[in-house]
C-alpha cells in the first residue's frame, strides 16, 4: 500500500504496493496558458505522476528532462524546440532520455497523462 505521498528507498528496493490515486493530493502548476494538476508519488530516483492539463494549456518552459509519457485520456501535442510536433491521443505514449530534446506540451481540450521519470532515463 502507498503511504503519505512518498517512500524514500533505493530504487531497487521498492516493495510491491498499490497506489490509490484518489488519495494522492493534487498540486497546481500554472502554465504559459492554463493550469496543470499533478498527483505525484516519489521514490528514490523515480517519480510517477498523474498529470491533467486544462483546456488551452501550454507549458511555461522547454523541458530537457527525460520522461515516459502515456496518454490516459484526451489529446495533446508534444512540441520539440526544433519545431517538430507530435500529436498523441488516448492510448499513445512517448519516451525520451534526459538532454535528448527540448520539449513542451500543449492541449486544446485538456488531457490526462501518466508520466514516469527518474535516474534511469
PDB file of N, CA and C in Angstrom:
ATOM      1  N   UNK A   1       0.834  -1.184   0.000  1.00  0.00           N
ATOM      2  CA  UNK A   1       0.000   0.000   0.000  1.00  0.00           C
ATOM      3  C   UNK A   1       0.873   1.239   0.000  1.00  0.00           C
ATOM      4  N   UNK A   2       0.449   2.265  -0.711  1.00  0.00           N
ATOM      5  CA  UNK A   2       1.171   3.522  -0.781  1.00  0.00           C
ATOM      6  C   UNK A   2       0.787   4.379   0.416  1.00  0.00           C
ATOM      7  N   UNK A   3       1.781   4.939   1.080  1.00  0.00           N
ATOM      8  CA  UNK A   3       1.518   5.721   2.286  1.00  0.00           C
ATOM      9  C   UNK A   3       2.097   7.124   2.182  1.00  0.00           C
ATOM     10  N   UNK A   4       1.320   8.130   2.515  1.00  0.00           N
ATOM     11  CA  UNK A   4       1.760   9.506   2.728  1.00  0.00           C
ATOM     12  C   UNK A   4       2.525  10.164   1.590  1.00  0.00           C
ATOM     13  N   UNK A   5       2.293   9.797   0.336  1.00  0.00           N
ATOM     14  CA  UNK A   5       2.854  10.521  -0.791  1.00  0.00           C
ATOM     15  C   UNK A   5       4.311  10.285  -1.112  1.00  0.00           C
ATOM     16  N   UNK A   6       5.069   9.599  -0.247  1.00  0.00           N
ATOM     17  CA  UNK A   6       6.482   9.432  -0.547  1.00  0.00           C
ATOM     18  C   UNK A   6       7.075   8.272   0.233  1.00  0.00           C
ATOM     19  N   UNK A   7       7.895   7.496  -0.439  1.00  0.00           N
ATOM     20  CA  UNK A   7       8.692   6.459   0.201  1.00  0.00           C
ATOM     21  C   UNK A   7      10.104   6.639  -0.313  1.00  0.00           C
ATOM     22  N   UNK A   8      11.039   6.888   0.557  1.00  0.00           N
ATOM     23  CA  UNK A   8      12.417   7.125   0.152  1.00  0.00           C
ATOM     24  C   UNK A   8      13.237   5.869   0.384  1.00  0.00           C
ATOM     25  N   UNK A   9      13.421   5.096  -0.667  1.00  0.00           N
ATOM     26  CA  UNK A   9      14.209   3.880  -0.637  1.00  0.00           C
ATOM     27  C   UNK A   9      15.090   3.864  -1.867  1.00  0.00           C
ATOM     28  N   UNK A  10      16.056   2.975  -1.874  1.00  0.00           N
ATOM     29  CA  UNK A  10      16.818   2.755  -3.092  1.00  0.00           C
ATOM     30  C   UNK A  10      15.865   2.297  -4.167  1.00  0.00           C
ATOM     31  N   UNK A  11      16.132   2.713  -5.422  1.00  0.00           N
ATOM     32  CA  UNK A  11      15.205   2.366  -6.485  1.00  0.00           C
ATOM     33  C   UNK A  11      15.060   0.860  -6.668  1.00  0.00           C
ATOM     34  N   UNK A  12      16.094   0.093  -6.322  1.00  0.00           N
ATOM     35  CA  UNK A  12      15.992  -1.355  -6.476  1.00  0.00           C
ATOM     36  C   UNK A  12      15.262  -2.015  -5.315  1.00  0.00           C
ATOM     37  N   UNK A  13      14.828  -1.238  -4.330  1.00  0.00           N
ATOM     38  CA  UNK A  13      14.176  -1.849  -3.176  1.00  0.00           C
ATOM     39  C   UNK A  13      12.736  -1.395  -2.976  1.00  0.00           C
ATOM     40  N   UNK A  14      12.050  -1.073  -4.054  1.00  0.00           N
ATOM     41  CA  UNK A  14      10.639  -0.691  -3.941  1.00  0.00           C
ATOM     42  C   UNK A  14       9.823  -1.969  -3.802  1.00  0.00           C
ATOM     43  N   UNK A  15       9.172  -2.164  -2.668  1.00  0.00           N
ATOM     44  CA  UNK A  15       8.363  -3.371  -2.488  1.00  0.00           C
ATOM     45  C   UNK A  15       7.059  -3.258  -3.275  1.00  0.00           C
ATOM     46  N   UNK A  16       6.411  -4.401  -3.476  1.00  0.00           N
ATOM     47  CA  UNK A  16       5.102  -4.383  -4.133  1.00  0.00           C
ATOM     48  C   UNK A  16       4.170  -3.494  -3.326  1.00  0.00           C
ATOM     49  N   UNK A  17       3.432  -2.663  -4.044  1.00  0.00           N
ATOM     50  CA  UNK A  17       2.450  -1.804  -3.399  1.00  0.00           C
ATOM     51  C   UNK A  17       1.440  -1.329  -4.425  1.00  0.00           C
ATOM     52  N   UNK A  18       0.309  -0.930  -3.953  1.00  0.00           N
ATOM     53  CA  UNK A  18      -0.689  -0.340  -4.832  1.00  0.00           C
ATOM     54  C   UNK A  18      -0.725   1.159  -4.573  1.00  0.00           C
ATOM     55  N   UNK A  19      -1.213   1.889  -5.557  1.00  0.00           N
ATOM     56  CA  UNK A  19      -1.372   3.332  -5.415  1.00  0.00           C
ATOM     57  C   UNK A  19      -2.835   3.657  -5.651  1.00  0.00           C
ATOM     58  N   UNK A  20      -3.474   4.205  -4.651  1.00  0.00           N
ATOM     59  CA  UNK A  20      -4.842   4.693  -4.780  1.00  0.00           C
ATOM     60  C   UNK A  20      -4.751   6.158  -5.174  1.00  0.00           C
ATOM     61  N   UNK A  21      -4.808   6.422  -6.475  1.00  0.00           N
ATOM     62  CA  UNK A  21      -4.609   7.782  -6.969  1.00  0.00           C
ATOM     63  C   UNK A  21      -5.643   8.753  -6.416  1.00  0.00           C
ATOM     64  N   UNK A  22      -6.821   8.256  -6.045  1.00  0.00           N
ATOM     65  CA  UNK A  22      -7.832   9.134  -5.449  1.00  0.00           C
ATOM     66  C   UNK A  22      -7.373   9.714  -4.117  1.00  0.00           C
ATOM     67  N   UNK A  23      -6.416   9.060  -3.462  1.00  0.00           N
ATOM     68  CA  UNK A  23      -5.940   9.542  -2.163  1.00  0.00           C
ATOM     69  C   UNK A  23      -4.660  10.375  -2.271  1.00  0.00           C
ATOM     70  N   UNK A  24      -4.123  10.544  -3.474  1.00  0.00           N
ATOM     71  CA  UNK A  24      -2.902  11.344  -3.666  1.00  0.00           C
ATOM     72  C   UNK A  24      -3.315  12.789  -3.968  1.00  0.00           C
ATOM     73  N   UNK A  25      -2.852  13.702  -3.134  1.00  0.00           N
ATOM     74  CA  UNK A  25      -3.215  15.119  -3.271  1.00  0.00           C
ATOM     75  C   UNK A  25      -2.755  15.683  -4.612  1.00  0.00           C
ATOM     76  N   UNK A  26      -3.544  16.610  -5.149  1.00  0.00           N
ATOM     77  CA  UNK A  26      -3.193  17.309  -6.382  1.00  0.00           C
ATOM     78  C   UNK A  26      -2.498  18.618  -6.046  1.00  0.00           C
ATOM     79  N   UNK A  27      -1.461  18.921  -6.821  1.00  0.00           N
ATOM     80  CA  UNK A  27      -0.810  20.223  -6.714  1.00  0.00           C
ATOM     81  C   UNK A  27      -1.024  20.968  -8.028  1.00  0.00           C
ATOM     82  N   UNK A  28      -1.182  22.260  -7.936  1.00  0.00           N
ATOM     83  CA  UNK A  28      -1.487  23.090  -9.103  1.00  0.00           C
ATOM     84  C   UNK A  28      -0.215  23.748  -9.627  1.00  0.00           C
ATOM     85  N   UNK A  29      -0.069  23.730 -10.960  1.00  0.00           N
ATOM     86  CA  UNK A  29       1.086  24.338 -11.615  1.00  0.00           C
ATOM     87  C   UNK A  29       0.587  25.148 -12.802  1.00  0.00           C
ATOM     88  N   UNK A  30       0.851  26.441 -12.785  1.00  0.00           N
ATOM     89  CA  UNK A  30       0.407  27.327 -13.862  1.00  0.00           C
ATOM     90  C   UNK A  30       1.292  27.140 -15.079  1.00  0.00           C
ATOM     91  N   UNK A  31       0.689  27.147 -16.241  1.00  0.00           N
ATOM     92  CA  UNK A  31       1.425  27.106 -17.490  1.00  0.00           C
ATOM     93  C   UNK A  31       1.534  28.496 -18.081  1.00  0.00           C
ATOM     94  N   UNK A  32       2.111  28.570 -19.266  1.00  0.00           N
ATOM     95  CA  UNK A  32       2.097  29.828 -20.010  1.00  0.00           C
ATOM     96  C   UNK A  32       0.641  30.228 -20.239  1.00  0.00           C
ATOM     97  N   UNK A  33      -0.163  29.224 -20.566  1.00  0.00           N
ATOM     98  CA  UNK A  33      -1.624  29.349 -20.625  1.00  0.00           C
ATOM     99  C   UNK A  33      -2.186  28.136 -19.893  1.00  0.00           C
ATOM    100  N   UNK A  34      -3.243  28.303 -19.163  1.00  0.00           N
ATOM    101  CA  UNK A  34      -3.899  27.187 -18.492  1.00  0.00           C
ATOM    102  C   UNK A  34      -3.146  26.705 -17.258  1.00  0.00           C
ATOM    103  N   UNK A  35      -3.619  25.579 -16.741  1.00  0.00           N
ATOM    104  CA  UNK A  35      -3.109  25.037 -15.484  1.00  0.00           C
ATOM    105  C   UNK A  35      -2.934  23.537 -15.605  1.00  0.00           C
ATOM    106  N   UNK A  36      -1.924  23.014 -14.907  1.00  0.00           N
ATOM    107  CA  UNK A  36      -1.779  21.566 -14.789  1.00  0.00           C
ATOM    108  C   UNK A  36      -1.952  21.186 -13.332  1.00  0.00           C
ATOM    109  N   UNK A  37      -2.436  19.978 -13.122  1.00  0.00           N
ATOM    110  CA  UNK A  37      -2.626  19.434 -11.785  1.00  0.00           C
ATOM    111  C   UNK A  37      -1.862  18.122 -11.713  1.00  0.00           C
ATOM    112  N   UNK A  38      -0.964  18.014 -10.736  1.00  0.00           N
ATOM    113  CA  UNK A  38      -0.109  16.841 -10.591  1.00  0.00           C
ATOM    114  C   UNK A  38      -0.485  16.066  -9.347  1.00  0.00           C
ATOM    115  N   UNK A  39      -0.533  14.756  -9.495  1.00  0.00           N
ATOM    116  CA  UNK A  39      -0.577  13.832  -8.363  1.00  0.00           C
ATOM    117  C   UNK A  39       0.734  13.060  -8.443  1.00  0.00           C
ATOM    118  N   UNK A  40       1.577  13.200  -7.443  1.00  0.00           N
ATOM    119  CA  UNK A  40       2.948  12.714  -7.522  1.00  0.00           C
ATOM    120  C   UNK A  40       3.242  11.671  -6.455  1.00  0.00           C
ATOM    121  N   UNK A  41       3.859  10.585  -6.895  1.00  0.00           N
ATOM    122  CA  UNK A  41       4.406   9.574  -5.995  1.00  0.00           C
ATOM    123  C   UNK A  41       5.907   9.565  -6.239  1.00  0.00           C
ATOM    124  N   UNK A  42       6.679   9.835  -5.187  1.00  0.00           N
ATOM    125  CA  UNK A  42       8.123   9.983  -5.315  1.00  0.00           C
ATOM    126  C   UNK A  42       8.851   8.854  -4.590  1.00  0.00           C
ATOM    127  N   UNK A  43       9.753   8.217  -5.297  1.00  0.00           N
ATOM    128  CA  UNK A  43      10.664   7.229  -4.733  1.00  0.00           C
ATOM    129  C   UNK A  43      12.076   7.743  -4.967  1.00  0.00           C
ATOM    130  N   UNK A  44      13.066   7.117  -4.368  1.00  0.00           N
ATOM    131  CA  UNK A  44      14.455   7.485  -4.641  1.00  0.00           C
ATOM    132  C   UNK A  44      14.755   7.176  -6.108  1.00  0.00           C
ATOM    133  N   UNK A  45      15.074   8.199  -6.888  1.00  0.00           N
ATOM    134  CA  UNK A  45      15.425   8.011  -8.289  1.00  0.00           C
ATOM    135  C   UNK A  45      14.266   7.726  -9.226  1.00  0.00           C
ATOM    136  N   UNK A  46      13.030   7.844  -8.749  1.00  0.00           N
ATOM    137  CA  UNK A  46      11.859   7.536  -9.580  1.00  0.00           C
ATOM    138  C   UNK A  46      10.684   8.411  -9.154  1.00  0.00           C
ATOM    139  N   UNK A  47      10.049   9.048 -10.146  1.00  0.00           N
ATOM    140  CA  UNK A  47       8.852   9.840  -9.895  1.00  0.00           C
ATOM    141  C   UNK A  47       7.755   9.354 -10.828  1.00  0.00           C
ATOM    142  N   UNK A  48       6.572   9.109 -10.268  1.00  0.00           N
ATOM    143  CA  UNK A  48       5.411   8.675 -11.041  1.00  0.00           C
ATOM    144  C   UNK A  48       4.308   9.701 -10.784  1.00  0.00           C
ATOM    145  N   UNK A  49       3.719  10.195 -11.887  1.00  0.00           N
ATOM    146  CA  UNK A  49       2.684  11.229 -11.744  1.00  0.00           C
ATOM    147  C   UNK A  49       1.483  10.945 -12.636  1.00  0.00           C
ATOM    148  N   UNK A  50       0.329  11.331 -12.154  1.00  0.00           N
ATOM    149  CA  UNK A  50      -0.846  11.527 -12.995  1.00  0.00           C
ATOM    150  C   UNK A  50      -0.945  13.040 -13.149  1.00  0.00           C
ATOM    151  N   UNK A  51      -0.943  13.499 -14.392  1.00  0.00           N
ATOM    152  CA  UNK A  51      -0.944  14.934 -14.675  1.00  0.00           C
ATOM    153  C   UNK A  51      -2.131  15.247 -15.576  1.00  0.00           C
ATOM    154  N   UNK A  52      -2.896  16.250 -15.183  1.00  0.00           N
ATOM    155  CA  UNK A  52      -4.015  16.721 -16.006  1.00  0.00           C
ATOM    156  C   UNK A  52      -3.731  18.153 -16.432  1.00  0.00           C
ATOM    157  N   UNK A  53      -3.859  18.405 -17.739  1.00  0.00           N
ATOM    158  CA  UNK A  53      -3.724  19.746 -18.281  1.00  0.00           C
ATOM    159  C   UNK A  53      -5.113  20.266 -18.605  1.00  0.00           C
ATOM    160  N   UNK A  54      -5.383  21.511 -18.216  1.00  0.00           N
ATOM    161  CA  UNK A  54      -6.674  22.123 -18.520  1.00  0.00           C
ATOM    162  C   UNK A  54      -6.779  22.406 -20.016  1.00  0.00           C
ATOM    163  N   UNK A  55      -8.003  22.638 -20.474  1.00  0.00           N
ATOM    164  CA  UNK A  55      -8.212  23.049 -21.860  1.00  0.00           C
ATOM    165  C   UNK A  55      -7.408  24.323 -22.114  1.00  0.00           C
ATOM    166  N   UNK A  56      -6.763  24.409 -23.271  1.00  0.00           N
ATOM    167  CA  UNK A  56      -5.981  25.575 -23.630  1.00  0.00           C
ATOM    168  C   UNK A  56      -4.610  25.644 -22.985  1.00  0.00           C
ATOM    169  N   UNK A  57      -4.164  24.553 -22.356  1.00  0.00           N
ATOM    170  CA  UNK A  57      -2.881  24.558 -21.642  1.00  0.00           C
ATOM    171  C   UNK A  57      -1.690  24.596 -22.600  1.00  0.00           C
ATOM    172  N   UNK A  58      -0.694  25.398 -22.253  1.00  0.00           N
ATOM    173  CA  UNK A  58       0.623  25.392 -22.876  1.00  0.00           C
ATOM    174  C   UNK A  58       1.645  25.483 -21.754  1.00  0.00           C
ATOM    175  N   UNK A  59       2.637  24.604 -21.761  1.00  0.00           N
ATOM    176  CA  UNK A  59       3.681  24.629 -20.740  1.00  0.00           C
ATOM    177  C   UNK A  59       4.419  25.958 -20.760  1.00  0.00           C
ATOM    178  N   UNK A  60       4.922  26.350 -19.602  1.00  0.00           N
ATOM    179  CA  UNK A  60       5.606  27.641 -19.485  1.00  0.00           C
ATOM    180  C   UNK A  60       7.118  27.536 -19.669  1.00  0.00           C
ATOM    181  N   UNK A  61       7.618  26.380 -20.100  1.00  0.00           N
ATOM    182  CA  UNK A  61       9.058  26.197 -20.281  1.00  0.00           C
ATOM    183  C   UNK A  61       9.330  25.058 -21.263  1.00  0.00           C
ATOM    184  N   UNK A  62      10.542  25.031 -21.779  1.00  0.00           N
ATOM    185  CA  UNK A  62      11.020  23.921 -22.591  1.00  0.00           C
ATOM    186  C   UNK A  62      11.723  22.966 -21.647  1.00  0.00           C
ATOM    187  N   UNK A  63      11.294  21.733 -21.603  1.00  0.00           N
ATOM    188  CA  UNK A  63      11.827  20.738 -20.674  1.00  0.00           C
ATOM    189  C   UNK A  63      12.905  19.902 -21.356  1.00  0.00           C
ATOM    190  N   UNK A  64      14.001  19.654 -20.644  1.00  0.00           N
ATOM    191  CA  UNK A  64      15.065  18.793 -21.172  1.00  0.00           C
ATOM    192  C   UNK A  64      15.155  17.474 -20.409  1.00  0.00           C
ATOM    193  N   UNK A  65      14.258  17.270 -19.446  1.00  0.00           N
ATOM    194  CA  UNK A  65      14.252  16.052 -18.634  1.00  0.00           C
ATOM    195  C   UNK A  65      13.669  14.902 -19.441  1.00  0.00           C
ATOM    196  N   UNK A  66      14.147  13.705 -19.177  1.00  0.00           N
ATOM    197  CA  UNK A  66      13.599  12.516 -19.812  1.00  0.00           C
ATOM    198  C   UNK A  66      12.303  12.085 -19.159  1.00  0.00           C
ATOM    199  N   UNK A  67      11.416  11.503 -19.955  1.00  0.00           N
ATOM    200  CA  UNK A  67      10.124  11.041 -19.450  1.00  0.00           C
ATOM    201  C   UNK A  67       9.657   9.814 -20.233  1.00  0.00           C
ATOM    202  N   UNK A  68       8.802   9.061 -19.602  1.00  0.00           N
ATOM    203  CA  UNK A  68       7.910   8.137 -20.295  1.00  0.00           C
ATOM    204  C   UNK A  68       6.527   8.730 -20.066  1.00  0.00           C
ATOM    205  N   UNK A  69       5.834   9.064 -21.137  1.00  0.00           N
ATOM    206  CA  UNK A  69       4.529   9.716 -21.042  1.00  0.00           C
ATOM    207  C   UNK A  69       3.497   8.841 -21.733  1.00  0.00           C
ATOM    208  N   UNK A  70       2.406   8.541 -21.022  1.00  0.00           N
ATOM    209  CA  UNK A  70       1.317   7.751 -21.594  1.00  0.00           C
ATOM    210  C   UNK A  70       0.027   8.550 -21.468  1.00  0.00           C
ATOM    211  N   UNK A  71      -0.683   8.704 -22.574  1.00  0.00           N
ATOM    212  CA  UNK A  71      -1.934   9.464 -22.610  1.00  0.00           C
ATOM    213  C   UNK A  71      -3.087   8.573 -22.135  1.00  0.00           C
ATOM    214  N   UNK A  72      -3.647   8.923 -20.988  1.00  0.00           N
ATOM    215  CA  UNK A  72      -4.753   8.164 -20.408  1.00  0.00           C
ATOM    216  C   UNK A  72      -6.098   8.588 -20.976  1.00  0.00           C
ATOM    217  N   UNK A  73      -6.222   9.885 -21.284  1.00  0.00           N
ATOM    218  CA  UNK A  73      -7.496  10.392 -21.797  1.00  0.00           C
ATOM    219  C   UNK A  73      -7.240  11.738 -22.470  1.00  0.00           C
ATOM    220  N   UNK A  74      -7.930  11.981 -23.562  1.00  0.00           N
ATOM    221  CA  UNK A  74      -7.794  13.246 -24.263  1.00  0.00           C
ATOM    222  C   UNK A  74      -6.730  13.196 -25.338  1.00  0.00           C
ATOM    223  N   UNK A  75      -6.185  14.370 -25.634  1.00  0.00           N
ATOM    224  CA  UNK A  75      -5.229  14.514 -26.734  1.00  0.00           C
ATOM    225  C   UNK A  75      -4.334  15.718 -26.442  1.00  0.00           C
ATOM    226  N   UNK A  76      -3.074  15.621 -26.835  1.00  0.00           N
ATOM    227  CA  UNK A  76      -2.155  16.737 -26.654  1.00  0.00           C
ATOM    228  C   UNK A  76      -1.085  16.714 -27.731  1.00  0.00           C
ATOM    229  N   UNK A  77      -0.357  17.815 -27.829  1.00  0.00           N
ATOM    230  CA  UNK A  77       0.764  17.916 -28.758  1.00  0.00           C
ATOM    231  C   UNK A  77       2.031  18.049 -27.939  1.00  0.00           C
ATOM    232  N   UNK A  78       3.010  17.218 -28.248  1.00  0.00           N
ATOM    233  CA  UNK A  78       4.344  17.378 -27.703  1.00  0.00           C
ATOM    234  C   UNK A  78       5.157  18.082 -28.777  1.00  0.00           C
ATOM    235  N   UNK A  79       5.544  19.303 -28.461  1.00  0.00           N
ATOM    236  CA  UNK A  79       6.262  20.145 -29.407  1.00  0.00           C
ATOM    237  C   UNK A  79       7.741  20.145 -29.035  1.00  0.00           C
ATOM    238  N   UNK A  80       8.611  19.914 -30.007  1.00  0.00           N
ATOM    239  CA  UNK A  80      10.047  19.978 -29.777  1.00  0.00           C
ATOM    240  C   UNK A  80      10.546  21.370 -30.141  1.00  0.00           C
ATOM    241  N   UNK A  81      11.589  21.809 -29.476  1.00  0.00           N
ATOM    242  CA  UNK A  81      12.120  23.153 -29.709  1.00  0.00           C
ATOM    243  C   UNK A  81      12.593  23.325 -31.144  1.00  0.00           C
ATOM    244  N   UNK A  82      12.940  22.213 -31.829  1.00  0.00           N
ATOM    245  CA  UNK A  82      13.379  22.294 -33.226  1.00  0.00           C
ATOM    246  C   UNK A  82      12.205  22.463 -34.191  1.00  0.00           C
ATOM    247  N   UNK A  83      10.972  22.520 -33.661  1.00  0.00           N
ATOM    248  CA  UNK A  83       9.792  22.739 -34.491  1.00  0.00           C
ATOM    249  C   UNK A  83       8.969  21.499 -34.777  1.00  0.00           C
ATOM    250  N   UNK A  84       9.507  20.305 -34.528  1.00  0.00           N
ATOM    251  CA  UNK A  84       8.727  19.078 -34.724  1.00  0.00           C
ATOM    252  C   UNK A  84       7.568  19.046 -33.737  1.00  0.00           C
ATOM    253  N   UNK A  85       6.428  18.506 -34.190  1.00  0.00           N
ATOM    254  CA  UNK A  85       5.229  18.407 -33.354  1.00  0.00           C
ATOM    255  C   UNK A  85       4.660  17.000 -33.482  1.00  0.00           C
ATOM    256  N   UNK A  86       4.288  16.424 -32.329  1.00  0.00           N
ATOM    257  CA  UNK A  86       3.740  15.071 -32.305  1.00  0.00           C
ATOM    258  C   UNK A  86       2.398  15.110 -31.591  1.00  0.00           C
ATOM    259  N   UNK A  87       1.359  14.657 -32.291  1.00  0.00           N
ATOM    260  CA  UNK A  87       0.023  14.606 -31.729  1.00  0.00           C
ATOM    261  C   UNK A  87      -0.173  13.240 -31.074  1.00  0.00           C
ATOM    262  N   UNK A  88      -0.464  13.230 -29.796  1.00  0.00           N
ATOM    263  CA  UNK A  88      -0.687  11.986 -29.063  1.00  0.00           C
ATOM    264  C   UNK A  88      -2.111  11.953 -28.549  1.00  0.00           C
ATOM    265  N   UNK A  89      -2.751  10.803 -28.725  1.00  0.00           N
ATOM    266  CA  UNK A  89      -4.135  10.587 -28.298  1.00  0.00           C
ATOM    267  C   UNK A  89      -4.173   9.487 -27.256  1.00  0.00           C
ATOM    268  N   UNK A  90      -5.337   9.318 -26.648  1.00  0.00           N
ATOM    269  CA  UNK A  90      -5.557   8.272 -25.653  1.00  0.00           C
ATOM    270  C   UNK A  90      -4.971   6.947 -26.148  1.00  0.00           C
ATOM    271  N   UNK A  91      -4.160   6.314 -25.290  1.00  0.00           N
ATOM    272  CA  UNK A  91      -3.551   5.037 -25.622  1.00  0.00           C
ATOM    273  C   UNK A  91      -2.175   5.133 -26.234  1.00  0.00           C
ATOM    274  N   UNK A  92      -1.706   6.357 -26.541  1.00  0.00           N
ATOM    275  CA  UNK A  92      -0.383   6.544 -27.137  1.00  0.00           C
ATOM    276  C   UNK A  92       0.616   6.982 -26.072  1.00  0.00           C
ATOM    277  N   UNK A  93       1.898   6.735 -26.352  1.00  0.00           N
ATOM    278  CA  UNK A  93       2.973   7.081 -25.419  1.00  0.00           C
ATOM    279  C   UNK A  93       4.152   7.680 -26.174  1.00  0.00           C
ATOM    280  N   UNK A  94       5.006   8.358 -25.431  1.00  0.00           N
ATOM    281  CA  UNK A  94       6.326   8.707 -25.958  1.00  0.00           C
ATOM    282  C   UNK A  94       7.358   8.508 -24.864  1.00  0.00           C
ATOM    283  N   UNK A  95       8.600   8.359 -25.283  1.00  0.00           N
ATOM    284  CA  UNK A  95       9.716   8.221 -24.362  1.00  0.00           C
ATOM    285  C   UNK A  95      10.875   9.047 -24.883  1.00  0.00           C
ATOM    286  N   UNK A  96      11.601   9.693 -23.962  1.00  0.00           N
ATOM    287  CA  UNK A  96      12.781  10.471 -24.320  1.00  0.00           C
ATOM    288  C   UNK A  96      13.714  10.469 -23.117  1.00  0.00           C
ATOM    289  N   UNK A  97      15.009  10.406 -23.380  1.00  0.00           N
ATOM    290  CA  UNK A  97      16.006  10.455 -22.313  1.00  0.00           C
ATOM    291  C   UNK A  97      16.365  11.896 -21.970  1.00  0.00           C
ATOM    292  N   UNK A  98      16.960  12.082 -20.784  1.00  0.00           N
ATOM    293  CA  UNK A  98      17.440  13.394 -20.359  1.00  0.00           C
ATOM    294  C   UNK A  98      18.343  14.004 -21.433  1.00  0.00           C
ATOM    295  N   UNK A  99      18.176  15.304 -21.640  1.00  0.00           N
ATOM    296  CA  UNK A  99      19.032  16.089 -22.529  1.00  0.00           C
ATOM    297  C   UNK A  99      18.992  15.673 -24.001  1.00  0.00           C
ATOM    298  N   UNK A 100      17.998  14.872 -24.407  1.00  0.00           N
ATOM    299  CA  UNK A 100      17.912  14.426 -25.806  1.00  0.00           C
ATOM    300  C   UNK A 100      17.067  15.368 -26.663  1.00  0.00           C
ATOM    301  N   UNK A 101      16.184  16.129 -26.065  1.00  0.00           N
ATOM    302  CA  UNK A 101      15.401  17.109 -26.813  1.00  0.00           C
ATOM    303  C   UNK A 101      14.741  18.061 -25.839  1.00  0.00           C
ATOM    304  N   UNK A 102      14.556  19.278 -26.269  1.00  0.00           N
ATOM    305  CA  UNK A 102      13.759  20.230 -25.505  1.00  0.00           C
ATOM    306  C   UNK A 102      12.333  20.104 -26.005  1.00  0.00           C
ATOM    307  N   UNK A 103      11.407  19.903 -25.080  1.00  0.00           N
ATOM    308  CA  UNK A 103      10.023  19.650 -25.461  1.00  0.00           C
ATOM    309  C   UNK A 103       9.071  20.362 -24.499  1.00  0.00           C
ATOM    310  N   UNK A 104       7.839  20.578 -24.972  1.00  0.00           N
ATOM    311  CA  UNK A 104       6.783  21.114 -24.117  1.00  0.00           C
ATOM    312  C   UNK A 104       5.456  20.602 -24.634  1.00  0.00           C
ATOM    313  N   UNK A 105       4.462  20.635 -23.761  1.00  0.00           N
ATOM    314  CA  UNK A 105       3.137  20.111 -24.094  1.00  0.00           C
ATOM    315  C   UNK A 105       2.132  21.238 -24.251  1.00  0.00           C
ATOM    316  N   UNK A 106       1.197  21.018 -25.177  1.00  0.00           N
ATOM    317  CA  UNK A 106       0.042  21.890 -25.332  1.00  0.00           C
ATOM    318  C   UNK A 106      -1.176  21.015 -25.557  1.00  0.00           C
ATOM    319  N   UNK A 107      -2.338  21.522 -25.178  1.00  0.00           N
ATOM    320  CA  UNK A 107      -3.577  20.805 -25.448  1.00  0.00           C
ATOM    321  C   UNK A 107      -4.704  21.803 -25.657  1.00  0.00           C
ATOM    322  N   UNK A 108      -5.529  21.504 -26.606  1.00  0.00           N
ATOM    323  CA  UNK A 108      -6.675  22.371 -26.896  1.00  0.00           C
ATOM    324  C   UNK A 108      -7.828  22.095 -25.939  1.00  0.00           C
ATOM    325  N   UNK A 109      -8.121  20.803 -25.714  1.00  0.00           N
ATOM    326  CA  UNK A 109      -9.313  20.420 -24.952  1.00  0.00           C
ATOM    327  C   UNK A 109      -9.026  19.789 -23.605  1.00  0.00           C
ATOM    328  N   UNK A 110      -7.765  19.711 -23.198  1.00  0.00           N
ATOM    329  CA  UNK A 110      -7.407  19.085 -21.936  1.00  0.00           C
ATOM    330  C   UNK A 110      -6.966  17.649 -22.147  1.00  0.00           C
ATOM    331  N   UNK A 111      -6.177  17.131 -21.208  1.00  0.00           N
ATOM    332  CA  UNK A 111      -5.630  15.783 -21.337  1.00  0.00           C
ATOM    333  C   UNK A 111      -5.266  15.261 -19.948  1.00  0.00           C
ATOM    334  N   UNK A 112      -5.256  13.941 -19.822  1.00  0.00           N
ATOM    335  CA  UNK A 112      -4.825  13.279 -18.589  1.00  0.00           C
ATOM    336  C   UNK A 112      -3.713  12.306 -18.955  1.00  0.00           C
ATOM    337  N   UNK A 113      -2.560  12.445 -18.285  1.00  0.00           N
ATOM    338  CA  UNK A 113      -1.367  11.676 -18.620  1.00  0.00           C
ATOM    339  C   UNK A 113      -0.827  10.929 -17.407  1.00  0.00           C
ATOM    340  N   UNK A 114      -0.129   9.835 -17.640  1.00  0.00           N
ATOM    341  CA  UNK A 114       0.745   9.237 -16.631  1.00  0.00           C
ATOM    342  C   UNK A 114       2.160   9.526 -17.103  1.00  0.00           C
ATOM    343  N   UNK A 115       2.961  10.129 -16.232  1.00  0.00           N
ATOM    344  CA  UNK A 115       4.330  10.497 -16.561  1.00  0.00           C
ATOM    345  C   UNK A 115       5.267   9.852 -15.558  1.00  0.00           C
ATOM    346  N   UNK A 116       6.254   9.138 -16.096  1.00  0.00           N
ATOM    347  CA  UNK A 116       7.259   8.461 -15.281  1.00  0.00           C
ATOM    348  C   UNK A 116       8.619   9.005 -15.659  1.00  0.00           C
ATOM    349  N   UNK A 117       9.380   9.427 -14.675  1.00  0.00           N
ATOM    350  CA  UNK A 117      10.738   9.875 -14.956  1.00  0.00           C
ATOM    351  C   UNK A 117      11.631   9.517 -13.768  1.00  0.00           C
ATOM    352  N   UNK A 118      12.922   9.584 -14.014  1.00  0.00           N
ATOM    353  CA  UNK A 118      13.850   9.256 -12.953  1.00  0.00           C
ATOM    354  C   UNK A 118      15.267   9.084 -13.457  1.00  0.00           C
ATOM    355  N   UNK A 119      16.106   8.622 -12.565  1.00  0.00           N
ATOM    356  CA  UNK A 119      17.529   8.485 -12.838  1.00  0.00           C
ATOM    357  C   UNK A 119      17.846   7.530 -13.985  1.00  0.00           C
ATOM    358  N   UNK A 120      16.956   6.612 -14.298  1.00  0.00           N
ATOM    359  CA  UNK A 120      17.192   5.603 -15.331  1.00  0.00           C
ATOM    360  C   UNK A 120      17.121   6.175 -16.739  1.00  0.00           C
ATOM    361  N   UNK A 121      16.594   7.388 -16.904  1.00  0.00           N
ATOM    362  CA  UNK A 121      16.475   7.993 -18.227  1.00  0.00           C
ATOM    363  C   UNK A 121      17.642   8.929 -18.497  1.00  0.00           C
TER     364      UNK A 121
END
